[in-house]
Amino acid sequence: MSSAKESYLQQIRLLSVLDLEELSGVVATIANELVGAKAVGVVLYDPDMEALSDRYWFGEHKKDLSVVGEPFCEDYKETDTDTFEVNFGDLGIELAAGMLPVYCHQVRKDGELVACLLLAAPTVKMDEIAPAFAELPLALALHNAWTTTELSRENGRLRSSYEEIEKKTGMLEEQTMKLIHDVTIRDSIRTKNVERERLVYLISNLVRSSMDIQKVLDTTVEKIGEEFALNRCIVLRSMDLKGLEVSEFRTENVKSIKELFFSEAGFEFAHQALSKTAPQDFGDPDTDTHISYDREFLKKIGIRSALIVPLIMRERVLGCLFLQDCTEPRDWSIDDISTI
């Protein structure tokens, strides 16, 4: 039996540890000190599952004890006595004679089972085991460590479930946003297509119904300018020997550049634009390195982005549309070009 001082130190060791595996090691060490156990199994009882759960094996012969201890734990049935000898013959298992007998000491707190200690203790009698542990707070220490461990596990399970729910929620939100975006884009495209079809119909109808070509051109640049939110929209038309004709639409905040096309630089620009048979777009003359037109002329008219679309009939260029954004760069889409 241990002295009062040793018992006090053992109590301190038991109550100062909350980690379940570490505490089980402390219990095994104390069991070795008190009853000379060659191997110790600390097996916790799960009251929710009504079965033995976490198992920890210690000592020089822990492997041998675990081999026979696992089947015992699976078939375990609680008894009224605190300590009983395990009959491995009933389980069809043999254990080295030097480890026998093996006792099961049931640790209870307030009458409720907390854990079982499997003790391979050949040098101690069964009725000496319970008194050896009587003064120690084994039940309290194991109960606290088990509760802490279970709370930690439950917290982990809840966190895992929460993260899974959050992940699925995020995926659903992403799918919903994508769906909303797709629907919005489709509606926007549909609306834009309807508006542009209306524009094409309006201009086509005007061309068929009016003999005044100048009125047709003025209306065309106005409607295209408004539909595409342009700062300027210009039609350049070659008049053969009569020179150049310019129809211009502009917003109130930009100046007219119609007269600039009758300057030398303007004539050169118009001649170059009217020689093209495919649409061309370009950006700010200060930054766009691919511009083939006179940069100084483009700076003078103040464009930030432009699109030139030739007007062709029977493989002959009759003129061109010159669409301009003077406030910010713009990406001209295939839809923009095809509509025009």
Protein backbone atom coordinates (compact mmCIF):
# COMPACT_ATOMS: atom_id res chain seq x y z
CA MET A 1 0.00 0.00 0.00
CA SER A 2 1.22 3.51 -0.66
CA SER A 3 1.93 6.07 1.99
CA ALA A 4 -0.33 9.10 2.58
CA LYS A 5 2.15 11.35 0.76
CA GLU A 6 2.32 9.04 -2.24
CA SER A 7 -1.48 8.85 -2.31
CA TYR A 8 -1.72 12.64 -2.24
CA LEU A 9 0.75 12.97 -5.12
CA GLN A 10 -1.15 10.36 -7.11
CA GLN A 11 -4.37 12.32 -6.61
CA ILE A 12 -2.66 15.49 -7.83
CA ARG A 13 -1.38 13.68 -10.92
CA LEU A 14 -4.84 12.33 -11.70
CA LEU A 15 -6.67 15.63 -11.30
CA SER A 16 -4.12 17.75 -13.16
CA VAL A 17 -4.60 16.05 -16.54
CA LEU A 18 -7.59 16.46 -18.88
CA ASP A 19 -6.26 14.83 -22.04
CA LEU A 20 -7.85 11.38 -22.10
CA GLU A 21 -4.91 9.44 -23.51
CA GLU A 22 -2.42 11.19 -21.25
CA LEU A 23 -4.63 10.58 -18.20
CA SER A 24 -4.95 6.91 -19.13
CA GLY A 25 -1.17 6.71 -19.08
CA VAL A 26 -1.14 8.25 -15.59
CA VAL A 27 -3.76 5.72 -14.44
CA ALA A 28 -1.68 2.86 -15.87
CA THR A 29 1.45 4.12 -14.09
CA ILE A 30 -0.40 4.34 -10.77
CA ALA A 31 -1.87 0.85 -11.31
CA ASN A 32 1.62 -0.49 -11.79
CA GLU A 33 2.76 1.25 -8.62
CA LEU A 34 -0.17 -0.02 -6.56
CA VAL A 35 -0.74 -3.59 -7.78
CA GLY A 36 2.39 -4.36 -9.83
CA ALA A 37 0.44 -4.75 -13.09
CA LYS A 38 2.56 -6.02 -16.01
CA ALA A 39 0.09 -4.56 -18.48
CA VAL A 40 -2.86 -2.22 -18.08
CA GLY A 41 -5.83 -1.50 -20.30
CA VAL A 42 -7.81 1.67 -19.64
CA VAL A 43 -11.15 1.31 -21.39
CA LEU A 44 -13.72 4.12 -21.27
CA TYR A 45 -17.46 3.51 -21.15
CA ASP A 46 -19.74 5.46 -23.50
CA PRO A 47 -23.11 5.87 -21.76
CA ASP A 48 -24.79 7.07 -24.95
CA MET A 49 -23.75 3.97 -26.88
CA GLU A 50 -23.97 1.76 -23.76
CA ALA A 51 -20.69 0.11 -24.72
CA LEU A 52 -16.97 0.31 -24.07
CA SER A 53 -15.34 2.75 -26.45
CA ASP A 54 -11.88 4.36 -26.23
CA ARG A 55 -9.17 1.87 -25.30
CA TYR A 56 -5.58 2.51 -24.27
CA TRP A 57 -3.00 -0.19 -23.55
CA PHE A 58 0.13 0.25 -21.45
CA GLY A 59 2.99 -1.77 -19.99
CA GLU A 60 5.67 -4.16 -21.13
CA HIS A 61 3.09 -6.71 -22.31
CA LYS A 62 0.50 -4.23 -23.63
CA LYS A 63 0.42 -5.88 -27.07
CA ASP A 64 -0.49 -9.26 -25.58
CA LEU A 65 -3.12 -7.68 -23.36
CA SER A 66 -4.65 -5.74 -26.24
CA VAL A 67 -4.97 -8.91 -28.33
CA VAL A 68 -7.11 -10.57 -25.67
CA GLY A 69 -8.60 -7.34 -24.37
CA GLU A 70 -10.30 -6.33 -27.62
CA PRO A 71 -12.60 -9.39 -27.76
CA PHE A 72 -13.36 -8.93 -24.06
CA CYS A 73 -14.43 -5.32 -24.68
CA GLU A 74 -16.72 -6.37 -27.52
CA ASP A 75 -18.49 -8.97 -25.33
CA TYR A 76 -18.34 -6.97 -22.09
CA LYS A 77 -21.33 -6.99 -19.76
CA GLU A 78 -21.38 -4.89 -16.61
CA THR A 79 -21.46 -6.79 -13.29
CA ASP A 80 -22.44 -5.74 -9.79
CA THR A 81 -19.02 -6.44 -8.31
CA ASP A 82 -16.28 -3.83 -8.55
CA THR A 83 -13.62 -6.32 -9.60
CA PHE A 84 -13.76 -9.71 -11.28
CA GLU A 85 -11.35 -12.07 -12.96
CA VAL A 86 -11.57 -12.27 -16.73
CA ASN A 87 -12.08 -15.81 -17.97
CA PHE A 88 -10.42 -15.83 -21.36
CA GLY A 89 -11.29 -19.49 -21.78
CA ASP A 90 -14.92 -18.45 -22.29
CA LEU A 91 -13.71 -16.18 -25.10
CA GLY A 92 -11.63 -18.93 -26.70
CA ILE A 93 -8.40 -16.99 -26.14
CA GLU A 94 -5.16 -18.07 -24.54
CA LEU A 95 -2.85 -15.73 -22.64
CA ALA A 96 0.66 -16.41 -21.37
CA ALA A 97 0.55 -17.91 -17.89
CA GLY A 98 2.99 -15.27 -16.62
CA MET A 99 0.34 -12.59 -17.20
CA LEU A 100 -2.52 -14.37 -15.48
CA PRO A 101 -4.76 -13.66 -13.81
CA VAL A 102 -6.22 -10.61 -15.57
CA TYR A 103 -8.72 -8.63 -13.55
CA CYS A 104 -11.36 -6.18 -14.67
CA HIS A 105 -11.83 -3.34 -12.19
CA GLN A 106 -15.00 -1.35 -12.91
CA VAL A 107 -14.67 2.35 -12.10
CA ARG A 108 -17.95 4.03 -11.17
CA LYS A 109 -19.02 7.58 -10.36
CA ASP A 110 -22.28 8.03 -8.47
CA GLY A 111 -23.16 4.45 -9.31
CA GLU A 112 -22.67 4.94 -13.06
CA LEU A 113 -19.95 3.07 -14.94
CA VAL A 114 -17.14 5.34 -16.16
CA ALA A 115 -14.38 2.95 -17.22
CA CYS A 116 -12.89 -0.50 -16.87
CA LEU A 117 -9.29 -1.18 -15.90
CA LEU A 118 -7.91 -4.44 -17.28
CA LEU A 119 -5.01 -5.43 -15.05
CA ALA A 120 -2.56 -8.23 -15.80
CA ALA A 121 -1.46 -8.50 -12.17
CA PRO A 122 -0.29 -12.00 -11.21
CA THR A 123 1.17 -10.88 -7.86
CA VAL A 124 -1.98 -9.41 -6.33
CA LYS A 125 -5.20 -10.96 -5.07
CA MET A 126 -8.54 -9.85 -6.50
CA ASP A 127 -9.89 -8.56 -3.18
CA GLU A 128 -6.84 -6.27 -2.82
CA ILE A 129 -7.51 -4.30 -5.99
CA ALA A 130 -10.57 -2.24 -5.02
CA PRO A 131 -9.03 -1.08 -1.70
CA ALA A 132 -5.82 -0.13 -3.52
CA PHE A 133 -7.73 2.35 -5.69
CA ALA A 134 -10.32 3.37 -3.09
CA GLU A 135 -8.63 6.61 -2.00
CA LEU A 136 -7.95 7.83 -5.53
CA PRO A 137 -10.34 10.01 -7.59
CA LEU A 138 -10.11 7.67 -10.58
CA ALA A 139 -13.78 8.00 -11.46
CA LEU A 140 -13.80 11.80 -11.25
CA ALA A 141 -10.60 12.20 -13.28
CA LEU A 142 -11.66 9.74 -16.00
CA HIS A 143 -15.18 11.18 -16.14
CA ASN A 144 -13.86 14.73 -16.56
CA ALA A 145 -11.35 13.71 -19.23
CA TRP A 146 -13.98 11.68 -21.10
CA THR A 147 -16.48 14.56 -20.98
CA THR A 148 -13.86 17.04 -22.19
CA THR A 149 -12.82 14.71 -25.01
CA GLU A 150 -16.41 14.11 -26.08
CA LEU A 151 -17.16 17.83 -26.04
CA SER A 152 -14.09 18.42 -28.19
CA ARG A 153 -15.14 15.66 -30.58
CA GLU A 154 -18.70 16.95 -30.76
CA ASN A 155 -17.37 20.41 -31.42
CA GLY A 156 -15.25 18.98 -34.23
CA ARG A 157 -18.23 17.10 -35.65
CA LEU A 158 -20.38 20.22 -35.50
CA ARG A 159 -17.62 22.30 -37.07
CA SER A 160 -17.23 19.72 -39.82
CA SER A 161 -20.99 19.69 -40.40
CA TYR A 162 -21.08 23.48 -40.37
CA GLU A 163 -18.22 23.68 -42.86
CA GLU A 164 -19.96 21.15 -45.09
CA ILE A 165 -23.22 23.09 -44.88
CA GLU A 166 -21.34 26.33 -45.50
CA LYS A 167 -19.62 24.76 -48.50
CA LYS A 168 -22.91 23.53 -49.93
CA THR A 169 -24.55 26.88 -49.20
CA GLY A 170 -21.68 28.63 -50.96
CA MET A 171 -22.08 26.34 -53.97
CA LEU A 172 -25.83 26.98 -54.04
CA GLU A 173 -25.27 30.73 -53.75
CA GLU A 174 -22.73 30.58 -56.56
CA GLN A 175 -25.10 28.55 -58.73
CA THR A 176 -27.96 30.93 -57.92
CA MET A 177 -25.86 33.98 -58.74
CA LYS A 178 -24.72 32.35 -61.98
CA LEU A 179 -28.31 31.54 -62.85
CA ILE A 180 -29.41 35.10 -62.07
CA HIS A 181 -26.46 36.43 -64.07
CA ASP A 182 -27.26 34.15 -67.01
CA VAL A 183 -30.94 35.11 -66.93
CA THR A 184 -30.03 38.80 -66.64
CA ILE A 185 -27.55 38.53 -69.50
CA ARG A 186 -30.08 36.69 -71.65
CA ASP A 187 -32.72 39.30 -70.89
CA SER A 188 -30.23 42.07 -71.59
CA ILE A 189 -29.18 40.48 -74.87
CA ARG A 190 -32.79 39.85 -75.82
CA THR A 191 -33.71 43.46 -75.02
CA LYS A 192 -30.69 44.78 -76.90
CA ASN A 193 -31.47 42.58 -79.90
CA VAL A 194 -35.08 43.78 -79.93
CA GLU A 195 -33.97 47.41 -79.75
CA ARG A 196 -31.41 46.96 -82.51
CA GLU A 197 -33.84 45.04 -84.70
CA ARG A 198 -36.20 47.98 -84.24
CA LEU A 199 -33.37 50.33 -85.25
CA VAL A 200 -32.62 48.31 -88.38
CA TYR A 201 -36.32 48.23 -89.27
CA LEU A 202 -36.69 51.98 -88.72
CA ILE A 203 -33.71 52.88 -90.91
CA SER A 204 -34.61 50.30 -93.57
CA ASN A 205 -38.16 51.61 -93.70
CA LEU A 206 -36.87 55.17 -93.94
CA VAL A 207 -34.59 54.26 -96.84
CA ARG A 208 -37.48 52.62 -98.73
CA SER A 209 -39.99 55.39 -98.06
CA SER A 210 -37.91 58.56 -98.51
CA MET A 211 -36.42 60.05 -101.64
CA ASP A 212 -34.39 62.57 -99.62
CA ILE A 213 -31.00 60.89 -99.18
CA GLN A 214 -29.73 63.63 -96.88
CA LYS A 215 -32.70 63.14 -94.55
CA VAL A 216 -32.03 59.40 -94.55
CA LEU A 217 -28.37 59.92 -93.65
CA ASP A 218 -29.10 62.49 -90.95
CA THR A 219 -31.71 60.22 -89.38
CA THR A 220 -29.39 57.21 -89.62
CA VAL A 221 -26.49 58.85 -87.77
CA GLU A 222 -28.88 60.22 -85.15
CA LYS A 223 -30.55 56.88 -84.44
CA ILE A 224 -27.28 54.93 -84.41
CA GLY A 225 -25.68 57.56 -82.19
CA GLU A 226 -28.53 57.36 -79.69
CA GLU A 227 -28.79 53.56 -79.76
CA PHE A 228 -25.05 53.03 -79.20
CA ALA A 229 -24.72 55.97 -76.76
CA LEU A 230 -22.06 57.62 -78.93
CA ASN A 231 -20.58 61.07 -78.61
CA ARG A 232 -20.50 61.34 -82.39
CA CYS A 233 -21.71 59.34 -85.35
CA ILE A 234 -20.66 60.44 -88.82
CA VAL A 235 -21.34 59.23 -92.34
CA LEU A 236 -18.59 59.99 -94.83
CA ARG A 237 -19.73 59.73 -98.43
CA SER A 238 -17.62 60.16 -101.53
CA MET A 239 -19.33 62.27 -104.18
CA ASP A 240 -16.85 61.47 -106.98
CA LEU A 241 -16.04 64.78 -108.68
CA LYS A 242 -18.16 66.74 -106.21
CA GLY A 243 -15.86 65.84 -103.34
CA LEU A 244 -16.95 64.66 -99.88
CA GLU A 245 -20.28 64.77 -98.08
CA VAL A 246 -20.44 64.56 -94.27
CA SER A 247 -23.51 63.84 -92.12
CA GLU A 248 -22.93 64.28 -88.39
CA PHE A 249 -24.70 63.44 -85.14
CA ARG A 250 -23.18 64.64 -81.88
CA THR A 251 -24.18 65.03 -78.26
CA GLU A 252 -24.46 68.48 -76.74
CA ASN A 253 -21.24 68.17 -74.76
CA VAL A 254 -18.97 67.68 -77.79
CA LYS A 255 -18.13 70.09 -80.57
CA SER A 256 -18.86 69.56 -84.24
CA ILE A 257 -15.97 68.35 -86.38
CA LYS A 258 -17.83 68.31 -89.66
CA GLU A 259 -15.77 71.14 -91.15
CA LEU A 260 -12.48 69.45 -90.22
CA PHE A 261 -13.06 66.82 -92.90
CA PHE A 262 -12.70 69.50 -95.53
CA SER A 263 -9.15 70.28 -94.42
CA GLU A 264 -6.16 68.58 -95.99
CA ALA A 265 -5.80 66.20 -93.03
CA GLY A 266 -9.55 65.57 -93.07
CA PHE A 267 -9.59 64.73 -96.79
CA GLU A 268 -6.66 62.37 -96.28
CA PHE A 269 -8.43 60.63 -93.38
CA ALA A 270 -11.68 60.31 -95.37
CA HIS A 271 -9.85 58.97 -98.42
CA GLN A 272 -8.11 56.35 -96.29
CA ALA A 273 -11.33 55.38 -94.46
CA LEU A 274 -13.30 55.09 -97.71
CA SER A 275 -10.68 52.78 -99.17
CA LYS A 276 -11.36 50.09 -96.54
CA THR A 277 -13.67 47.17 -97.25
CA ALA A 278 -13.75 45.73 -93.73
CA PRO A 279 -14.67 47.25 -90.35
CA GLN A 280 -11.86 48.75 -88.30
CA ASP A 281 -11.75 49.75 -84.66
CA PHE A 282 -9.06 51.66 -82.81
CA GLY A 283 -8.51 53.33 -79.47
CA ASP A 284 -6.92 56.41 -78.02
CA PRO A 285 -4.34 57.81 -80.48
CA ASP A 286 -1.98 58.42 -77.56
CA THR A 287 -1.87 54.76 -76.54
CA ASP A 288 -3.06 52.56 -79.42
CA THR A 289 0.03 51.42 -81.33
CA HIS A 290 -1.92 49.82 -84.18
CA ILE A 291 -3.56 52.95 -85.60
CA SER A 292 -2.80 53.50 -89.29
CA TYR A 293 -4.53 56.88 -89.51
CA ASP A 294 -3.08 60.34 -88.85
CA ARG A 295 -2.75 60.47 -85.05
CA GLU A 296 -2.66 64.25 -84.93
CA PHE A 297 -5.97 64.45 -86.77
CA LEU A 298 -7.52 61.90 -84.39
CA LYS A 299 -6.23 63.86 -81.39
CA LYS A 300 -7.70 67.02 -82.86
CA ILE A 301 -11.18 65.50 -83.10
CA GLY A 302 -10.76 64.17 -79.55
CA ILE A 303 -11.64 60.49 -79.80
CA ARG A 304 -10.92 57.83 -77.17
CA SER A 305 -12.33 54.95 -79.18
CA ALA A 306 -13.71 54.62 -82.70
CA LEU A 307 -15.22 52.19 -85.17
CA ILE A 308 -15.23 52.61 -88.94
CA VAL A 309 -17.69 50.47 -90.91
CA PRO A 310 -17.73 50.62 -94.72
CA LEU A 311 -21.08 50.94 -96.52
CA ILE A 312 -20.84 48.56 -99.47
CA MET A 313 -23.26 47.78 -102.27
CA ARG A 314 -22.41 45.45 -105.15
CA GLU A 315 -18.78 45.33 -104.00
CA ARG A 316 -18.51 49.12 -104.20
CA VAL A 317 -17.77 51.28 -101.16
CA LEU A 318 -20.40 54.04 -101.13
CA GLY A 319 -19.32 55.54 -97.84
CA CYS A 320 -18.53 54.66 -94.25
CA LEU A 321 -19.92 55.10 -90.77
CA PHE A 322 -17.51 56.65 -88.27
CA LEU A 323 -18.64 55.89 -84.68
CA GLN A 324 -16.83 57.77 -81.92
CA ASP A 325 -16.62 57.67 -78.15
CA CYS A 326 -14.86 60.77 -76.85
CA THR A 327 -15.11 60.07 -73.12
CA GLU A 328 -13.73 56.57 -72.53
CA PRO A 329 -12.27 53.53 -74.30
CA ARG A 330 -14.83 51.08 -75.63
CA ASP A 331 -14.73 47.47 -76.79
CA TRP A 332 -16.66 47.16 -80.03
CA SER A 333 -18.39 43.79 -80.14
CA ILE A 334 -19.18 41.59 -83.11
CA ASP A 335 -22.86 42.29 -82.40
CA ASP A 336 -22.19 46.04 -82.70
CA ILE A 337 -20.49 45.58 -86.05
CA SER A 338 -23.06 43.10 -87.40
CA THR A 339 -25.95 45.38 -86.43
CA ILE A 340 -24.40 48.30 -88.26
